Amino acid sequence: MSTAALASLAAPISAENGPGLFLRIIVVASFVGVGLLAWVLLRAGRNN
């Protein structure tokens, strides 16, 4: 997908100018994903 297509898809999500809410959602989701990945890797590395 091109950047213009992604911006047109994200337009209804964010009513303000610029990325705004959409970018915040992406950042929070990535932090949650990294946290879950770290948790899974730490659990897999434990010797139980």
N, C-alpha and C. Protein backbone atom coordinates (compact mmCIF):
# COMPACT_ATOMS: atom_id res chain seq x y z
N MET A 1 0.84 -1.19 0.00
CA MET A 1 0.00 0.00 0.00
C MET A 1 0.87 1.24 0.00
N SER A 2 0.40 2.23 -0.69
CA SER A 2 1.13 3.48 -0.72
C SER A 2 0.79 4.32 0.51
N THR A 3 1.60 5.32 0.74
CA THR A 3 1.38 6.20 1.88
C THR A 3 0.06 6.95 1.74
N ALA A 4 -0.28 7.34 0.52
CA ALA A 4 -1.53 8.06 0.30
C ALA A 4 -2.74 7.18 0.61
N ALA A 5 -2.65 5.89 0.26
CA ALA A 5 -3.75 4.98 0.55
C ALA A 5 -3.91 4.79 2.05
N LEU A 6 -2.80 4.65 2.78
CA LEU A 6 -2.88 4.50 4.22
C LEU A 6 -3.43 5.76 4.88
N ALA A 7 -3.04 6.92 4.36
CA ALA A 7 -3.54 8.17 4.92
C ALA A 7 -5.04 8.32 4.68
N SER A 8 -5.52 7.88 3.51
CA SER A 8 -6.95 7.98 3.23
C SER A 8 -7.74 6.99 4.09
N LEU A 9 -7.15 5.84 4.41
CA LEU A 9 -7.82 4.89 5.29
C LEU A 9 -7.85 5.39 6.73
N ALA A 10 -6.82 6.12 7.13
CA ALA A 10 -6.73 6.61 8.50
C ALA A 10 -7.50 7.91 8.71
N ALA A 11 -7.94 8.54 7.64
CA ALA A 11 -8.62 9.84 7.75
C ALA A 11 -9.85 9.81 8.64
N PRO A 12 -10.72 8.81 8.54
CA PRO A 12 -11.89 8.82 9.43
C PRO A 12 -11.53 8.62 10.91
N ILE A 13 -10.38 8.02 11.19
CA ILE A 13 -9.98 7.77 12.57
C ILE A 13 -9.58 9.07 13.25
N SER A 14 -8.88 9.91 12.54
CA SER A 14 -8.34 11.12 13.13
C SER A 14 -9.02 12.35 12.53
N ALA A 15 -9.66 13.14 13.38
CA ALA A 15 -10.33 14.34 12.90
C ALA A 15 -9.40 15.55 12.91
N GLU A 16 -8.29 15.47 13.62
CA GLU A 16 -7.37 16.60 13.70
C GLU A 16 -6.36 16.53 12.56
N ASN A 17 -5.65 17.63 12.34
CA ASN A 17 -4.64 17.67 11.28
C ASN A 17 -3.44 16.84 11.69
N GLY A 18 -2.81 16.20 10.73
CA GLY A 18 -1.64 15.38 11.00
C GLY A 18 -2.04 14.00 11.46
N PRO A 19 -1.07 13.20 11.86
CA PRO A 19 -1.36 11.81 12.23
C PRO A 19 -2.17 11.68 13.51
N GLY A 20 -1.88 12.50 14.53
CA GLY A 20 -2.68 12.57 15.74
C GLY A 20 -3.02 11.26 16.40
N LEU A 21 -4.33 10.99 16.50
CA LEU A 21 -4.84 9.83 17.21
C LEU A 21 -4.36 8.53 16.58
N PHE A 22 -4.33 8.47 15.25
CA PHE A 22 -3.91 7.26 14.56
C PHE A 22 -2.48 6.88 14.94
N LEU A 23 -1.59 7.85 14.97
CA LEU A 23 -0.20 7.59 15.34
C LEU A 23 -0.10 7.14 16.79
N ARG A 24 -0.89 7.74 17.67
CA ARG A 24 -0.88 7.33 19.08
C ARG A 24 -1.35 5.89 19.23
N ILE A 25 -2.37 5.49 18.47
CA ILE A 25 -2.86 4.11 18.52
C ILE A 25 -1.77 3.15 18.07
N ILE A 26 -1.07 3.49 17.00
CA ILE A 26 0.01 2.64 16.48
C ILE A 26 1.13 2.51 17.51
N VAL A 27 1.51 3.62 18.14
CA VAL A 27 2.60 3.59 19.13
C VAL A 27 2.21 2.75 20.33
N VAL A 28 1.00 2.92 20.85
CA VAL A 28 0.56 2.15 22.01
C VAL A 28 0.47 0.67 21.66
N ALA A 29 -0.06 0.35 20.49
CA ALA A 29 -0.16 -1.05 20.07
C ALA A 29 1.22 -1.69 19.91
N SER A 30 2.19 -0.92 19.42
CA SER A 30 3.53 -1.48 19.28
C SER A 30 4.18 -1.73 20.64
N PHE A 31 3.96 -0.83 21.60
CA PHE A 31 4.49 -1.05 22.95
C PHE A 31 3.86 -2.29 23.59
N VAL A 32 2.56 -2.46 23.41
CA VAL A 32 1.90 -3.64 23.94
C VAL A 32 2.44 -4.90 23.28
N GLY A 33 2.66 -4.85 21.99
CA GLY A 33 3.21 -6.00 21.27
C GLY A 33 4.62 -6.34 21.72
N VAL A 34 5.44 -5.34 21.93
CA VAL A 34 6.81 -5.58 22.40
C VAL A 34 6.78 -6.16 23.81
N GLY A 35 5.90 -5.64 24.65
CA GLY A 35 5.77 -6.18 26.00
C GLY A 35 5.33 -7.64 26.00
N LEU A 36 4.35 -7.97 25.17
CA LEU A 36 3.91 -9.37 25.07
C LEU A 36 5.02 -10.27 24.53
N LEU A 37 5.75 -9.79 23.54
CA LEU A 37 6.85 -10.57 22.99
C LEU A 37 7.92 -10.82 24.04
N ALA A 38 8.28 -9.80 24.80
CA ALA A 38 9.28 -9.96 25.87
C ALA A 38 8.78 -10.95 26.92
N TRP A 39 7.50 -10.86 27.28
CA TRP A 39 6.92 -11.78 28.27
C TRP A 39 6.99 -13.22 27.78
N VAL A 40 6.63 -13.45 26.52
CA VAL A 40 6.67 -14.81 25.96
C VAL A 40 8.10 -15.32 25.92
N LEU A 41 9.04 -14.49 25.50
CA LEU A 41 10.43 -14.93 25.44
C LEU A 41 10.99 -15.23 26.82
N LEU A 42 10.64 -14.40 27.80
CA LEU A 42 11.12 -14.66 29.16
C LEU A 42 10.51 -15.93 29.74
N ARG A 43 9.23 -16.18 29.45
CA ARG A 43 8.59 -17.41 29.94
C ARG A 43 9.19 -18.64 29.28
N ALA A 44 9.53 -18.53 28.01
CA ALA A 44 10.10 -19.67 27.28
C ALA A 44 11.52 -19.97 27.76
N GLY A 45 12.23 -18.95 28.23
CA GLY A 45 13.60 -19.13 28.66
C GLY A 45 13.75 -19.67 30.06
N ARG A 46 12.66 -19.66 30.81
CA ARG A 46 12.74 -20.17 32.19
C ARG A 46 12.90 -21.68 32.21
N ASN A 47 13.69 -22.18 33.13
CA ASN A 47 13.81 -23.62 33.31
C ASN A 47 12.91 -24.04 34.45
N ASN A 48 11.80 -24.66 34.13
CA ASN A 48 10.83 -25.06 35.13
C ASN A 48 10.86 -26.56 35.34
